[in-house]
Amino acid sequence: MSKKLEGNGFWESSRIIIPEHKEAYLRLMKDRQRRGKPELDDQEVQLIEQALIESYNSCQPVSVTVFSPFDDTVMTGVVTSINTARRKVKLFRGEDDYSWIKLEDIVSTG
């Protein structure tokens, strides 16, 4: 008997994956690696805010860890502006290199 007709050989030999299905499968696998944002207690939030204010007042660099669903980002720089209405800080990292960071996205300072 031919190998195609043994067991599941007929279906095994005729399987085709179209590019759209492959992309959808890869997106699904990546979404499964997504993680939730950690909940910070009030004391941790106060310590983060204190470190940011200290960097702003003394012009000293501070390292902040910014949450991302797949991988956190560590940024180091000097806080040059604090926007309390929008709850954002401006982190200056060098000449013409700065980022506006939402306070709720910062998970730790170092």
N, C-alpha and C. Protein backbone atom coordinates (compact mmCIF):
# COMPACT_ATOMS: atom_id res chain seq x y z
N MET A 1 0.83 -1.18 0.00
CA MET A 1 0.00 0.00 0.00
C MET A 1 0.88 1.25 0.00
N SER A 2 0.38 2.29 -0.60
CA SER A 2 1.19 3.50 -0.67
C SER A 2 1.20 4.21 0.69
N LYS A 3 2.23 4.97 0.94
CA LYS A 3 2.38 5.65 2.23
C LYS A 3 1.29 6.70 2.43
N LYS A 4 0.80 7.31 1.36
CA LYS A 4 -0.23 8.33 1.49
C LYS A 4 -1.51 7.78 2.09
N LEU A 5 -1.79 6.53 1.87
CA LEU A 5 -3.05 5.96 2.33
C LEU A 5 -2.94 5.34 3.72
N GLU A 6 -1.76 5.27 4.30
CA GLU A 6 -1.59 4.68 5.62
C GLU A 6 -1.85 5.73 6.70
N GLY A 7 -2.60 5.37 7.71
CA GLY A 7 -2.87 6.27 8.83
C GLY A 7 -3.50 7.57 8.35
N ASN A 8 -2.86 8.66 8.66
CA ASN A 8 -3.34 9.97 8.25
C ASN A 8 -2.48 10.51 7.12
N GLY A 9 -1.87 9.64 6.37
CA GLY A 9 -0.94 10.03 5.32
C GLY A 9 -1.54 10.89 4.24
N PHE A 10 -2.78 10.64 3.88
CA PHE A 10 -3.41 11.42 2.83
C PHE A 10 -3.49 12.89 3.22
N TRP A 11 -3.92 13.15 4.44
CA TRP A 11 -4.04 14.54 4.90
C TRP A 11 -2.67 15.14 5.20
N GLU A 12 -1.76 14.35 5.70
CA GLU A 12 -0.41 14.83 6.00
C GLU A 12 0.29 15.31 4.74
N SER A 13 0.10 14.64 3.65
CA SER A 13 0.81 15.00 2.43
C SER A 13 0.15 16.15 1.68
N SER A 14 -1.07 16.49 2.02
CA SER A 14 -1.76 17.53 1.27
C SER A 14 -2.00 18.80 2.10
N ARG A 15 -1.38 18.92 3.26
CA ARG A 15 -1.56 20.12 4.08
C ARG A 15 -0.81 21.30 3.49
N ILE A 16 -1.49 22.45 3.43
CA ILE A 16 -0.88 23.67 2.93
C ILE A 16 -1.22 24.80 3.90
N ILE A 17 -0.24 25.63 4.21
CA ILE A 17 -0.48 26.79 5.06
C ILE A 17 -0.30 28.03 4.20
N ILE A 18 -1.37 28.79 4.07
CA ILE A 18 -1.26 30.01 3.28
C ILE A 18 -0.65 31.11 4.14
N PRO A 19 0.00 32.10 3.52
CA PRO A 19 0.70 33.14 4.28
C PRO A 19 -0.20 33.89 5.27
N GLU A 20 -1.47 34.09 4.93
CA GLU A 20 -2.38 34.80 5.83
C GLU A 20 -2.60 34.00 7.12
N HIS A 21 -2.71 32.70 7.00
CA HIS A 21 -2.89 31.86 8.19
C HIS A 21 -1.63 31.85 9.04
N LYS A 22 -0.48 31.81 8.38
CA LYS A 22 0.79 31.82 9.12
C LYS A 22 0.93 33.13 9.90
N GLU A 23 0.64 34.26 9.27
CA GLU A 23 0.72 35.56 9.95
C GLU A 23 -0.25 35.64 11.12
N ALA A 24 -1.46 35.14 10.92
CA ALA A 24 -2.46 35.16 12.00
C ALA A 24 -2.00 34.29 13.17
N TYR A 25 -1.42 33.14 12.86
CA TYR A 25 -0.92 32.25 13.91
C TYR A 25 0.22 32.91 14.69
N LEU A 26 1.16 33.57 13.98
CA LEU A 26 2.27 34.23 14.64
C LEU A 26 1.78 35.40 15.51
N ARG A 27 0.77 36.15 15.02
CA ARG A 27 0.18 37.23 15.83
C ARG A 27 -0.46 36.67 17.10
N LEU A 28 -1.15 35.56 16.97
CA LEU A 28 -1.79 34.93 18.12
C LEU A 28 -0.75 34.50 19.16
N MET A 29 0.35 33.91 18.70
CA MET A 29 1.40 33.47 19.62
C MET A 29 2.04 34.67 20.32
N LYS A 30 2.22 35.78 19.60
CA LYS A 30 2.78 36.98 20.21
C LYS A 30 1.81 37.57 21.24
N ASP A 31 0.52 37.59 20.92
CA ASP A 31 -0.48 38.12 21.86
C ASP A 31 -0.58 37.29 23.13
N ARG A 32 -0.29 36.02 23.03
CA ARG A 32 -0.31 35.17 24.22
C ARG A 32 0.82 35.51 25.18
N GLN A 33 1.89 36.12 24.67
CA GLN A 33 3.01 36.51 25.52
C GLN A 33 2.77 37.84 26.20
N ARG A 34 1.69 38.53 25.83
CA ARG A 34 1.36 39.83 26.42
C ARG A 34 1.11 39.65 27.92
N ARG A 35 1.57 40.61 28.71
CA ARG A 35 1.38 40.52 30.15
C ARG A 35 0.66 41.76 30.65
N GLY A 36 0.07 41.63 31.80
CA GLY A 36 -0.67 42.75 32.38
C GLY A 36 0.23 43.70 33.14
N LYS A 37 -0.26 44.90 33.34
CA LYS A 37 0.49 45.91 34.06
C LYS A 37 0.43 45.62 35.56
N PRO A 38 1.57 45.68 36.26
CA PRO A 38 1.56 45.41 37.69
C PRO A 38 0.87 46.54 38.46
N GLU A 39 0.18 46.19 39.51
CA GLU A 39 -0.49 47.17 40.37
C GLU A 39 0.51 47.66 41.41
N LEU A 40 0.65 48.97 41.52
CA LEU A 40 1.56 49.57 42.50
C LEU A 40 0.76 50.07 43.69
N ASP A 41 1.30 49.85 44.89
CA ASP A 41 0.61 50.39 46.06
C ASP A 41 0.99 51.87 46.22
N ASP A 42 0.29 52.54 47.13
CA ASP A 42 0.47 53.99 47.30
C ASP A 42 1.90 54.36 47.68
N GLN A 43 2.54 53.54 48.49
CA GLN A 43 3.90 53.84 48.93
C GLN A 43 4.88 53.81 47.74
N GLU A 44 4.73 52.82 46.87
CA GLU A 44 5.59 52.74 45.69
C GLU A 44 5.36 53.94 44.77
N VAL A 45 4.12 54.34 44.60
CA VAL A 45 3.80 55.50 43.76
C VAL A 45 4.44 56.76 44.35
N GLN A 46 4.38 56.91 45.67
CA GLN A 46 4.99 58.07 46.33
C GLN A 46 6.50 58.08 46.13
N LEU A 47 7.15 56.92 46.24
CA LEU A 47 8.60 56.84 46.04
C LEU A 47 8.99 57.21 44.61
N ILE A 48 8.20 56.77 43.63
CA ILE A 48 8.47 57.11 42.23
C ILE A 48 8.32 58.60 42.03
N GLU A 49 7.23 59.18 42.54
CA GLU A 49 7.00 60.62 42.39
C GLU A 49 8.07 61.44 43.09
N GLN A 50 8.52 60.97 44.25
CA GLN A 50 9.57 61.67 45.00
C GLN A 50 10.88 61.65 44.21
N ALA A 51 11.23 60.52 43.60
CA ALA A 51 12.46 60.43 42.82
C ALA A 51 12.39 61.35 41.59
N LEU A 52 11.22 61.45 40.97
CA LEU A 52 11.07 62.33 39.81
C LEU A 52 11.18 63.79 40.20
N ILE A 53 10.56 64.16 41.32
CA ILE A 53 10.64 65.55 41.79
C ILE A 53 12.06 65.91 42.19
N GLU A 54 12.75 64.97 42.82
CA GLU A 54 14.15 65.20 43.22
C GLU A 54 15.03 65.41 41.99
N SER A 55 14.80 64.62 40.94
CA SER A 55 15.55 64.79 39.70
C SER A 55 15.25 66.15 39.08
N TYR A 56 14.00 66.57 39.14
CA TYR A 56 13.60 67.87 38.58
C TYR A 56 14.25 69.03 39.35
N ASN A 57 14.24 68.94 40.68
CA ASN A 57 14.78 70.03 41.50
C ASN A 57 16.30 70.12 41.46
N SER A 58 16.99 68.98 41.43
CA SER A 58 18.45 68.98 41.52
C SER A 58 19.14 68.77 40.17
N CYS A 59 18.37 68.59 39.11
CA CYS A 59 18.92 68.33 37.75
C CYS A 59 19.85 67.12 37.73
N GLN A 60 19.54 66.12 38.55
CA GLN A 60 20.31 64.88 38.59
C GLN A 60 19.58 63.81 37.77
N PRO A 61 20.34 62.94 37.08
CA PRO A 61 19.69 61.89 36.29
C PRO A 61 18.99 60.85 37.16
N VAL A 62 17.93 60.31 36.63
CA VAL A 62 17.18 59.26 37.30
C VAL A 62 16.87 58.17 36.26
N SER A 63 16.85 56.92 36.70
CA SER A 63 16.49 55.81 35.82
C SER A 63 15.07 55.39 36.14
N VAL A 64 14.25 55.30 35.10
CA VAL A 64 12.86 54.87 35.28
C VAL A 64 12.60 53.65 34.41
N THR A 65 11.79 52.75 34.92
CA THR A 65 11.37 51.58 34.17
C THR A 65 9.96 51.83 33.70
N VAL A 66 9.78 51.84 32.37
CA VAL A 66 8.49 52.14 31.76
C VAL A 66 7.85 50.83 31.31
N PHE A 67 6.59 50.64 31.70
CA PHE A 67 5.87 49.40 31.39
C PHE A 67 5.55 49.30 29.90
N SER A 68 5.70 48.09 29.38
CA SER A 68 5.27 47.73 28.03
C SER A 68 4.67 46.33 28.13
N PRO A 69 3.63 46.03 27.36
CA PRO A 69 2.99 44.71 27.48
C PRO A 69 3.92 43.53 27.21
N PHE A 70 4.99 43.74 26.45
CA PHE A 70 5.87 42.63 26.10
C PHE A 70 7.22 42.70 26.81
N ASP A 71 7.79 43.90 26.95
CA ASP A 71 9.10 44.03 27.56
C ASP A 71 9.25 45.45 28.11
N ASP A 72 9.61 45.58 29.38
CA ASP A 72 9.77 46.90 29.99
C ASP A 72 11.00 47.60 29.42
N THR A 73 10.96 48.94 29.44
CA THR A 73 12.05 49.75 28.93
C THR A 73 12.63 50.56 30.07
N VAL A 74 13.95 50.56 30.21
CA VAL A 74 14.63 51.37 31.23
C VAL A 74 15.20 52.60 30.53
N MET A 75 14.82 53.78 31.04
CA MET A 75 15.30 55.04 30.48
C MET A 75 16.00 55.83 31.58
N THR A 76 17.09 56.47 31.22
CA THR A 76 17.85 57.28 32.17
C THR A 76 17.96 58.69 31.61
N GLY A 77 17.67 59.67 32.47
CA GLY A 77 17.77 61.05 32.06
C GLY A 77 17.38 61.97 33.20
N VAL A 78 17.30 63.27 32.88
CA VAL A 78 16.95 64.29 33.86
C VAL A 78 15.52 64.74 33.58
N VAL A 79 14.71 64.82 34.63
CA VAL A 79 13.35 65.31 34.48
C VAL A 79 13.43 66.83 34.32
N THR A 80 12.96 67.34 33.16
CA THR A 80 13.03 68.77 32.89
C THR A 80 11.68 69.45 32.96
N SER A 81 10.60 68.67 32.96
CA SER A 81 9.27 69.26 33.02
C SER A 81 8.31 68.25 33.63
N ILE A 82 7.39 68.76 34.44
CA ILE A 82 6.36 67.92 35.04
C ILE A 82 5.02 68.56 34.71
N ASN A 83 4.17 67.85 33.98
CA ASN A 83 2.85 68.32 33.62
C ASN A 83 1.84 67.61 34.51
N THR A 84 1.37 68.29 35.54
CA THR A 84 0.48 67.65 36.51
C THR A 84 -0.92 67.45 35.94
N ALA A 85 -1.36 68.32 35.03
CA ALA A 85 -2.69 68.18 34.46
C ALA A 85 -2.80 66.93 33.59
N ARG A 86 -1.77 66.67 32.79
CA ARG A 86 -1.77 65.49 31.92
C ARG A 86 -1.10 64.29 32.56
N ARG A 87 -0.53 64.48 33.74
CA ARG A 87 0.17 63.43 34.50
C ARG A 87 1.30 62.82 33.66
N LYS A 88 2.18 63.71 33.13
CA LYS A 88 3.32 63.28 32.33
C LYS A 88 4.57 64.00 32.81
N VAL A 89 5.72 63.36 32.59
CA VAL A 89 7.01 63.99 32.86
C VAL A 89 7.84 63.96 31.58
N LYS A 90 8.67 64.99 31.42
CA LYS A 90 9.57 65.06 30.27
C LYS A 90 10.94 64.63 30.74
N LEU A 91 11.43 63.53 30.18
CA LEU A 91 12.73 62.98 30.54
C LEU A 91 13.71 63.34 29.44
N PHE A 92 14.68 64.19 29.79
CA PHE A 92 15.70 64.65 28.84
C PHE A 92 16.89 63.72 28.91
N ARG A 93 17.23 63.07 27.78
CA ARG A 93 18.29 62.07 27.75
C ARG A 93 19.54 62.52 27.03
N GLY A 94 19.51 63.67 26.42
CA GLY A 94 20.66 64.16 25.68
C GLY A 94 20.22 65.25 24.73
N GLU A 95 21.15 65.71 23.92
CA GLU A 95 20.83 66.78 22.99
C GLU A 95 19.73 66.36 22.02
N ASP A 96 18.63 67.08 22.04
CA ASP A 96 17.45 66.81 21.20
C ASP A 96 16.89 65.41 21.38
N ASP A 97 17.11 64.79 22.52
CA ASP A 97 16.60 63.45 22.79
C ASP A 97 15.84 63.48 24.11
N TYR A 98 14.51 63.50 24.03
CA TYR A 98 13.69 63.51 25.23
C TYR A 98 12.42 62.70 24.98
N SER A 99 11.75 62.34 26.06
CA SER A 99 10.52 61.58 25.97
C SER A 99 9.52 62.10 26.98
N TRP A 100 8.26 62.17 26.57
CA TRP A 100 7.17 62.44 27.51
C TRP A 100 6.67 61.08 27.98
N ILE A 101 6.68 60.87 29.28
CA ILE A 101 6.30 59.58 29.86
C ILE A 101 5.11 59.78 30.78
N LYS A 102 4.09 58.95 30.62
CA LYS A 102 2.93 59.01 31.51
C LYS A 102 3.33 58.46 32.87
N LEU A 103 2.88 59.13 33.92
CA LEU A 103 3.23 58.69 35.28
C LEU A 103 2.71 57.28 35.57
N GLU A 104 1.53 56.94 35.02
CA GLU A 104 0.97 55.61 35.31
C GLU A 104 1.72 54.50 34.58
N ASP A 105 2.56 54.83 33.59
CA ASP A 105 3.36 53.83 32.90
C ASP A 105 4.69 53.51 33.59
N ILE A 106 5.09 54.35 34.55
CA ILE A 106 6.35 54.13 35.27
C ILE A 106 6.09 53.12 36.37
N VAL A 107 6.85 52.02 36.36
CA VAL A 107 6.66 50.97 37.36
C VAL A 107 7.73 50.97 38.44
N SER A 108 8.90 51.60 38.18
CA SER A 108 9.93 51.70 39.21
C SER A 108 10.97 52.73 38.81
N THR A 109 11.75 53.15 39.81
CA THR A 109 12.87 54.06 39.57
C THR A 109 14.11 53.43 40.20
N GLY A 110 15.24 53.87 39.72
CA GLY A 110 16.46 53.28 40.27
C GLY A 110 17.62 54.22 40.23
